[in-house]
Amino acid sequence: PDSVFAAMKELHSDAAHSIYVGDSDVDIQTA
């Protein structure tokens, strides 16, 4: 989840306010 957390940090957000959009099994597991 590192890249997702890095994005949240740059956007001043957190997991409670975020959603992920992807097209693969890797994306499902990442979220």
PDB file of all heavy atoms in Angstrom:
ATOM      1  N   PRO A   1       0.795  -1.228   0.000  1.00  0.00           N
ATOM      2  CA  PRO A   1       0.000   0.000   0.000  1.00  0.00           C
ATOM      3  C   PRO A   1       0.829   1.281   0.000  1.00  0.00           C
ATOM      4  O   PRO A   1       0.266   2.373   0.047  1.00  0.00           O
ATOM      5  CB  PRO A   1      -0.801  -0.118   1.303  1.00  0.00           C
ATOM      6  CG  PRO A   1       0.120  -0.868   2.222  1.00  0.00           C
ATOM      7  CD  PRO A   1       0.854  -1.858   1.340  1.00  0.00           C
ATOM      8  N   ASP A   2       2.147   1.164  -0.078  1.00  0.00           N
ATOM      9  CA  ASP A   2       3.030   2.320   0.103  1.00  0.00           C
ATOM     10  C   ASP A   2       2.711   3.477  -0.838  1.00  0.00           C
ATOM     11  O   ASP A   2       2.685   4.645  -0.424  1.00  0.00           O
ATOM     12  CB  ASP A   2       4.492   1.905  -0.102  1.00  0.00           C
ATOM     13  CG  ASP A   2       4.939   0.840   0.881  1.00  0.00           C
ATOM     14  OD1 ASP A   2       4.152  -0.089   1.145  1.00  0.00           O
ATOM     15  OD2 ASP A   2       6.082   0.904   1.368  1.00  0.00           O
ATOM     16  N   SER A   3       2.500   3.171  -2.124  1.00  0.00           N
ATOM     17  CA  SER A   3       2.237   4.249  -3.077  1.00  0.00           C
ATOM     18  C   SER A   3       0.904   4.924  -2.804  1.00  0.00           C
ATOM     19  O   SER A   3       0.750   6.141  -2.992  1.00  0.00           O
ATOM     20  CB  SER A   3       2.272   3.715  -4.512  1.00  0.00           C
ATOM     21  OG  SER A   3       1.345   2.655  -4.690  1.00  0.00           O
ATOM     22  N   VAL A   4      -0.070   4.147  -2.331  1.00  0.00           N
ATOM     23  CA  VAL A   4      -1.368   4.719  -1.967  1.00  0.00           C
ATOM     24  C   VAL A   4      -1.219   5.639  -0.761  1.00  0.00           C
ATOM     25  O   VAL A   4      -1.748   6.756  -0.741  1.00  0.00           O
ATOM     26  CB  VAL A   4      -2.386   3.605  -1.678  1.00  0.00           C
ATOM     27  CG1 VAL A   4      -3.693   4.180  -1.142  1.00  0.00           C
ATOM     28  CG2 VAL A   4      -2.650   2.788  -2.941  1.00  0.00           C
ATOM     29  N   PHE A   5      -0.485   5.183   0.246  1.00  0.00           N
ATOM     30  CA  PHE A   5      -0.261   6.021   1.422  1.00  0.00           C
ATOM     31  C   PHE A   5       0.531   7.277   1.074  1.00  0.00           C
ATOM     32  O   PHE A   5       0.270   8.361   1.616  1.00  0.00           O
ATOM     33  CB  PHE A   5       0.479   5.220   2.508  1.00  0.00           C
ATOM     34  CG  PHE A   5      -0.334   4.117   3.124  1.00  0.00           C
ATOM     35  CD1 PHE A   5       0.288   2.975   3.601  1.00  0.00           C
ATOM     36  CD2 PHE A   5      -1.714   4.221   3.241  1.00  0.00           C
ATOM     37  CE1 PHE A   5      -0.454   1.953   4.172  1.00  0.00           C
ATOM     38  CE2 PHE A   5      -2.467   3.207   3.822  1.00  0.00           C
ATOM     39  CZ  PHE A   5      -1.831   2.065   4.281  1.00  0.00           C
ATOM     40  N   ALA A   6       1.499   7.139   0.154  1.00  0.00           N
ATOM     41  CA  ALA A   6       2.268   8.314  -0.268  1.00  0.00           C
ATOM     42  C   ALA A   6       1.368   9.334  -0.957  1.00  0.00           C
ATOM     43  O   ALA A   6       1.492  10.546  -0.744  1.00  0.00           O
ATOM     44  CB  ALA A   6       3.399   7.884  -1.201  1.00  0.00           C
ATOM     45  N   ALA A   7       0.425   8.838  -1.776  1.00  0.00           N
ATOM     46  CA  ALA A   7      -0.514   9.738  -2.448  1.00  0.00           C
ATOM     47  C   ALA A   7      -1.414  10.428  -1.440  1.00  0.00           C
ATOM     48  O   ALA A   7      -1.663  11.642  -1.529  1.00  0.00           O
ATOM     49  CB  ALA A   7      -1.344   8.955  -3.453  1.00  0.00           C
ATOM     50  N   MET A   8      -1.924   9.650  -0.477  1.00  0.00           N
ATOM     51  CA  MET A   8      -2.759  10.250   0.578  1.00  0.00           C
ATOM     52  C   MET A   8      -2.001  11.359   1.305  1.00  0.00           C
ATOM     53  O   MET A   8      -2.550  12.434   1.575  1.00  0.00           O
ATOM     54  CB  MET A   8      -3.174   9.181   1.586  1.00  0.00           C
ATOM     55  CG  MET A   8      -4.149   8.155   1.092  1.00  0.00           C
ATOM     56  SD  MET A   8      -4.451   6.945   2.423  1.00  0.00           S
ATOM     57  CE  MET A   8      -5.403   5.716   1.531  1.00  0.00           C
ATOM     58  N   LYS A   9      -0.749  11.101   1.619  1.00  0.00           N
ATOM     59  CA  LYS A   9       0.048  12.087   2.349  1.00  0.00           C
ATOM     60  C   LYS A   9       0.189  13.377   1.548  1.00  0.00           C
ATOM     61  O   LYS A   9       0.027  14.480   2.089  1.00  0.00           O
ATOM     62  CB  LYS A   9       1.426  11.510   2.681  1.00  0.00           C
ATOM     63  CG  LYS A   9       2.302  12.429   3.519  1.00  0.00           C
ATOM     64  CD  LYS A   9       3.608  11.745   3.895  1.00  0.00           C
ATOM     65  CE  LYS A   9       4.477  12.668   4.749  1.00  0.00           C
ATOM     66  NZ  LYS A   9       5.765  12.007   5.135  1.00  0.00           N
ATOM     67  N   GLU A  10       0.482  13.237   0.245  1.00  0.00           N
ATOM     68  CA  GLU A  10       0.644  14.429  -0.594  1.00  0.00           C
ATOM     69  C   GLU A  10      -0.662  15.203  -0.743  1.00  0.00           C
ATOM     70  O   GLU A  10      -0.656  16.426  -0.902  1.00  0.00           O
ATOM     71  CB  GLU A  10       1.176  14.037  -1.974  1.00  0.00           C
ATOM     72  CG  GLU A  10       2.638  13.623  -1.971  1.00  0.00           C
ATOM     73  CD  GLU A  10       3.224  13.572  -3.374  1.00  0.00           C
ATOM     74  OE1 GLU A  10       2.940  14.502  -4.165  1.00  0.00           O
ATOM     75  OE2 GLU A  10       3.958  12.617  -3.664  1.00  0.00           O
ATOM     76  N   LEU A  11      -1.785  14.481  -0.678  1.00  0.00           N
ATOM     77  CA  LEU A  11      -3.092  15.126  -0.828  1.00  0.00           C
ATOM     78  C   LEU A  11      -3.689  15.548   0.510  1.00  0.00           C
ATOM     79  O   LEU A  11      -4.799  16.072   0.561  1.00  0.00           O
ATOM     80  CB  LEU A  11      -4.064  14.161  -1.523  1.00  0.00           C
ATOM     81  CG  LEU A  11      -3.765  13.858  -2.990  1.00  0.00           C
ATOM     82  CD1 LEU A  11      -4.683  12.755  -3.499  1.00  0.00           C
ATOM     83  CD2 LEU A  11      -3.911  15.100  -3.853  1.00  0.00           C
ATOM     84  N   HIS A  12      -2.945  15.313   1.605  1.00  0.00           N
ATOM     85  CA  HIS A  12      -3.424  15.632   2.949  1.00  0.00           C
ATOM     86  C   HIS A  12      -4.761  14.932   3.222  1.00  0.00           C
ATOM     87  O   HIS A  12      -5.718  15.532   3.706  1.00  0.00           O
ATOM     88  CB  HIS A  12      -3.568  17.152   3.134  1.00  0.00           C
ATOM     89  CG  HIS A  12      -2.309  17.912   2.826  1.00  0.00           C
ATOM     90  ND1 HIS A  12      -1.197  17.873   3.638  1.00  0.00           N
ATOM     91  CD2 HIS A  12      -1.973  18.693   1.764  1.00  0.00           C
ATOM     92  CE1 HIS A  12      -0.238  18.610   3.116  1.00  0.00           C
ATOM     93  NE2 HIS A  12      -0.675  19.122   1.969  1.00  0.00           N
ATOM     94  N   SER A  13      -4.777  13.646   2.913  1.00  0.00           N
ATOM     95  CA  SER A  13      -5.965  12.835   3.131  1.00  0.00           C
ATOM     96  C   SER A  13      -5.589  11.603   3.941  1.00  0.00           C
ATOM     97  O   SER A  13      -4.460  11.477   4.423  1.00  0.00           O
ATOM     98  CB  SER A  13      -6.583  12.440   1.785  1.00  0.00           C
ATOM     99  OG  SER A  13      -7.851  11.842   1.973  1.00  0.00           O
ATOM    100  N   ASP A  14      -6.547  10.675   4.109  1.00  0.00           N
ATOM    101  CA  ASP A  14      -6.278   9.447   4.846  1.00  0.00           C
ATOM    102  C   ASP A  14      -7.214   8.350   4.360  1.00  0.00           C
ATOM    103  O   ASP A  14      -8.090   8.576   3.519  1.00  0.00           O
ATOM    104  CB  ASP A  14      -6.444   9.675   6.356  1.00  0.00           C
ATOM    105  CG  ASP A  14      -7.802  10.231   6.737  1.00  0.00           C
ATOM    106  OD1 ASP A  14      -8.818   9.836   6.108  1.00  0.00           O
ATOM    107  OD2 ASP A  14      -7.874  11.049   7.659  1.00  0.00           O
ATOM    108  N   ALA A  15      -7.013   7.140   4.898  1.00  0.00           N
ATOM    109  CA  ALA A  15      -7.775   5.980   4.436  1.00  0.00           C
ATOM    110  C   ALA A  15      -9.273   6.120   4.664  1.00  0.00           C
ATOM    111  O   ALA A  15     -10.077   5.598   3.893  1.00  0.00           O
ATOM    112  CB  ALA A  15      -7.247   4.717   5.117  1.00  0.00           C
ATOM    113  N   ALA A  16      -9.655   6.821   5.714  1.00  0.00           N
ATOM    114  CA  ALA A  16     -11.069   6.967   6.037  1.00  0.00           C
ATOM    115  C   ALA A  16     -11.826   7.787   4.997  1.00  0.00           C
ATOM    116  O   ALA A  16     -13.057   7.715   4.921  1.00  0.00           O
ATOM    117  CB  ALA A  16     -11.232   7.604   7.410  1.00  0.00           C
ATOM    118  N   HIS A  17     -11.101   8.552   4.185  1.00  0.00           N
ATOM    119  CA  HIS A  17     -11.735   9.447   3.218  1.00  0.00           C
ATOM    120  C   HIS A  17     -11.350   9.126   1.771  1.00  0.00           C
ATOM    121  O   HIS A  17     -11.571   9.944   0.876  1.00  0.00           O
ATOM    122  CB  HIS A  17     -11.358  10.895   3.533  1.00  0.00           C
ATOM    123  CG  HIS A  17     -11.805  11.347   4.892  1.00  0.00           C
ATOM    124  ND1 HIS A  17     -11.021  11.207   6.006  1.00  0.00           N
ATOM    125  CD2 HIS A  17     -12.971  11.895   5.302  1.00  0.00           C
ATOM    126  CE1 HIS A  17     -11.679  11.676   7.060  1.00  0.00           C
ATOM    127  NE2 HIS A  17     -12.858  12.091   6.667  1.00  0.00           N
ATOM    128  N   SER A  18     -10.782   7.926   1.550  1.00  0.00           N
ATOM    129  CA  SER A  18     -10.239   7.597   0.230  1.00  0.00           C
ATOM    130  C   SER A  18     -10.879   6.352  -0.375  1.00  0.00           C
ATOM    131  O   SER A  18     -11.377   5.484   0.341  1.00  0.00           O
ATOM    132  CB  SER A  18      -8.722   7.371   0.330  1.00  0.00           C
ATOM    133  OG  SER A  18      -8.063   8.531   0.810  1.00  0.00           O
ATOM    134  N   ILE A  19     -10.824   6.276  -1.691  1.00  0.00           N
ATOM    135  CA  ILE A  19     -11.262   5.101  -2.441  1.00  0.00           C
ATOM    136  C   ILE A  19     -10.287   4.883  -3.587  1.00  0.00           C
ATOM    137  O   ILE A  19      -9.647   5.830  -4.062  1.00  0.00           O
ATOM    138  CB  ILE A  19     -12.707   5.268  -2.958  1.00  0.00           C
ATOM    139  CG1 ILE A  19     -13.295   3.927  -3.399  1.00  0.00           C
ATOM    140  CG2 ILE A  19     -12.785   6.308  -4.070  1.00  0.00           C
ATOM    141  CD1 ILE A  19     -14.811   3.977  -3.617  1.00  0.00           C
ATOM    142  N   TYR A  20     -10.161   3.623  -3.993  1.00  0.00           N
ATOM    143  CA  TYR A  20      -9.201   3.257  -5.032  1.00  0.00           C
ATOM    144  C   TYR A  20      -9.957   2.775  -6.262  1.00  0.00           C
ATOM    145  O   TYR A  20     -10.998   2.120  -6.145  1.00  0.00           O
ATOM    146  CB  TYR A  20      -8.286   2.151  -4.501  1.00  0.00           C
ATOM    147  CG  TYR A  20      -7.120   1.831  -5.402  1.00  0.00           C
ATOM    148  CD1 TYR A  20      -5.905   2.479  -5.242  1.00  0.00           C
ATOM    149  CD2 TYR A  20      -7.240   0.892  -6.409  1.00  0.00           C
ATOM    150  CE1 TYR A  20      -4.834   2.197  -6.078  1.00  0.00           C
ATOM    151  CE2 TYR A  20      -6.181   0.600  -7.249  1.00  0.00           C
ATOM    152  CZ  TYR A  20      -4.983   1.253  -7.070  1.00  0.00           C
ATOM    153  OH  TYR A  20      -3.939   0.975  -7.905  1.00  0.00           O
ATOM    154  N   VAL A  21      -9.422   3.064  -7.442  1.00  0.00           N
ATOM    155  CA  VAL A  21     -10.022   2.636  -8.709  1.00  0.00           C
ATOM    156  C   VAL A  21      -8.955   1.947  -9.545  1.00  0.00           C
ATOM    157  O   VAL A  21      -7.915   2.539  -9.834  1.00  0.00           O
ATOM    158  CB  VAL A  21     -10.608   3.824  -9.497  1.00  0.00           C
ATOM    159  CG1 VAL A  21     -11.263   3.335 -10.782  1.00  0.00           C
ATOM    160  CG2 VAL A  21     -11.607   4.602  -8.657  1.00  0.00           C
ATOM    161  N   GLY A  22      -9.210   0.682  -9.929  1.00  0.00           N
ATOM    162  CA  GLY A  22      -8.233  -0.048 -10.721  1.00  0.00           C
ATOM    163  C   GLY A  22      -8.864  -1.139 -11.558  1.00  0.00           C
ATOM    164  O   GLY A  22     -10.076  -1.372 -11.473  1.00  0.00           O
ATOM    165  N   ASP A  23      -8.031  -1.823 -12.344  1.00  0.00           N
ATOM    166  CA  ASP A  23      -8.566  -2.801 -13.301  1.00  0.00           C
ATOM    167  C   ASP A  23      -8.053  -4.222 -13.087  1.00  0.00           C
ATOM    168  O   ASP A  23      -8.329  -5.095 -13.908  1.00  0.00           O
ATOM    169  CB  ASP A  23      -8.222  -2.363 -14.731  1.00  0.00           C
ATOM    170  CG  ASP A  23      -6.736  -2.589 -15.042  1.00  0.00           C
ATOM    171  OD1 ASP A  23      -5.894  -2.054 -14.293  1.00  0.00           O
ATOM    172  OD2 ASP A  23      -6.437  -3.293 -16.011  1.00  0.00           O
ATOM    173  N   SER A  24      -7.333  -4.480 -11.985  1.00  0.00           N
ATOM    174  CA  SER A  24      -6.683  -5.783 -11.855  1.00  0.00           C
ATOM    175  C   SER A  24      -6.795  -6.360 -10.454  1.00  0.00           C
ATOM    176  O   SER A  24      -7.227  -5.694  -9.506  1.00  0.00           O
ATOM    177  CB  SER A  24      -5.201  -5.662 -12.222  1.00  0.00           C
ATOM    178  OG  SER A  24      -4.495  -4.999 -11.188  1.00  0.00           O
ATOM    179  N   ASP A  25      -6.368  -7.622 -10.334  1.00  0.00           N
ATOM    180  CA  ASP A  25      -6.294  -8.273  -9.033  1.00  0.00           C
ATOM    181  C   ASP A  25      -5.273  -7.575  -8.139  1.00  0.00           C
ATOM    182  O   ASP A  25      -5.456  -7.490  -6.918  1.00  0.00           O
ATOM    183  CB  ASP A  25      -5.933  -9.747  -9.200  1.00  0.00           C
ATOM    184  CG  ASP A  25      -4.694  -9.964 -10.064  1.00  0.00           C
ATOM    185  OD1 ASP A  25      -4.509  -9.238 -11.060  1.00  0.00           O
ATOM    186  OD2 ASP A  25      -3.902 -10.870  -9.741  1.00  0.00           O
ATOM    187  N   VAL A  26      -4.201  -7.060  -8.740  1.00  0.00           N
ATOM    188  CA  VAL A  26      -3.198  -6.311  -7.970  1.00  0.00           C
ATOM    189  C   VAL A  26      -3.836  -5.085  -7.338  1.00  0.00           C
ATOM    190  O   VAL A  26      -3.569  -4.756  -6.170  1.00  0.00           O
ATOM    191  CB  VAL A  26      -2.024  -5.897  -8.878  1.00  0.00           C
ATOM    192  CG1 VAL A  26      -1.049  -4.980  -8.119  1.00  0.00           C
ATOM    193  CG2 VAL A  26      -1.295  -7.129  -9.391  1.00  0.00           C
ATOM    194  N   ASP A  27      -4.723  -4.417  -8.066  1.00  0.00           N
ATOM    195  CA  ASP A  27      -5.390  -3.228  -7.538  1.00  0.00           C
ATOM    196  C   ASP A  27      -6.347  -3.578  -6.403  1.00  0.00           C
ATOM    197  O   ASP A  27      -6.435  -2.850  -5.406  1.00  0.00           O
ATOM    198  CB  ASP A  27      -6.131  -2.504  -8.656  1.00  0.00           C
ATOM    199  CG  ASP A  27      -5.194  -1.958  -9.704  1.00  0.00           C
ATOM    200  OD1 ASP A  27      -4.177  -1.352  -9.317  1.00  0.00           O
ATOM    201  OD2 ASP A  27      -5.460  -2.129 -10.904  1.00  0.00           O
ATOM    202  N   ILE A  28      -7.065  -4.677  -6.540  1.00  0.00           N
ATOM    203  CA  ILE A  28      -7.972  -5.119  -5.473  1.00  0.00           C
ATOM    204  C   ILE A  28      -7.180  -5.375  -4.196  1.00  0.00           C
ATOM    205  O   ILE A  28      -7.568  -4.936  -3.107  1.00  0.00           O
ATOM    206  CB  ILE A  28      -8.731  -6.391  -5.905  1.00  0.00           C
ATOM    207  CG1 ILE A  28      -9.642  -6.098  -7.097  1.00  0.00           C
ATOM    208  CG2 ILE A  28      -9.545  -6.962  -4.746  1.00  0.00           C
ATOM    209  CD1 ILE A  28     -10.163  -7.338  -7.796  1.00  0.00           C
ATOM    210  N   GLN A  29      -6.052  -6.068  -4.325  1.00  0.00           N
ATOM    211  CA  GLN A  29      -5.235  -6.378  -3.152  1.00  0.00           C
ATOM    212  C   GLN A  29      -4.583  -5.127  -2.578  1.00  0.00           C
ATOM    213  O   GLN A  29      -4.451  -4.977  -1.365  1.00  0.00           O
ATOM    214  CB  GLN A  29      -4.158  -7.397  -3.512  1.00  0.00           C
ATOM    215  CG  GLN A  29      -3.413  -7.968  -2.319  1.00  0.00           C
ATOM    216  CD  GLN A  29      -4.321  -8.689  -1.347  1.00  0.00           C
ATOM    217  OE1 GLN A  29      -5.120  -9.524  -1.751  1.00  0.00           O
ATOM    218  NE2 GLN A  29      -4.229  -8.366  -0.065  1.00  0.00           N
ATOM    219  N   THR A  30      -4.193  -4.204  -3.451  1.00  0.00           N
ATOM    220  CA  THR A  30      -3.600  -2.938  -2.992  1.00  0.00           C
ATOM    221  C   THR A  30      -4.587  -2.167  -2.122  1.00  0.00           C
ATOM    222  O   THR A  30      -4.227  -1.675  -1.042  1.00  0.00           O
ATOM    223  CB  THR A  30      -3.187  -2.080  -4.199  1.00  0.00           C
ATOM    224  OG1 THR A  30      -2.220  -2.794  -4.973  1.00  0.00           O
ATOM    225  CG2 THR A  30      -2.588  -0.751  -3.756  1.00  0.00           C
ATOM    226  N   ALA A  31      -5.821  -2.051  -2.602  1.00  0.00           N
ATOM    227  CA  ALA A  31      -6.847  -1.341  -1.831  1.00  0.00           C
ATOM    228  C   ALA A  31      -7.091  -2.028  -0.499  1.00  0.00           C
ATOM    229  O   ALA A  31      -7.218  -1.369   0.547  1.00  0.00           O
ATOM    230  CB  ALA A  31      -8.138  -1.264  -2.640  1.00  0.00           C
TER     231      ALA A  31
END
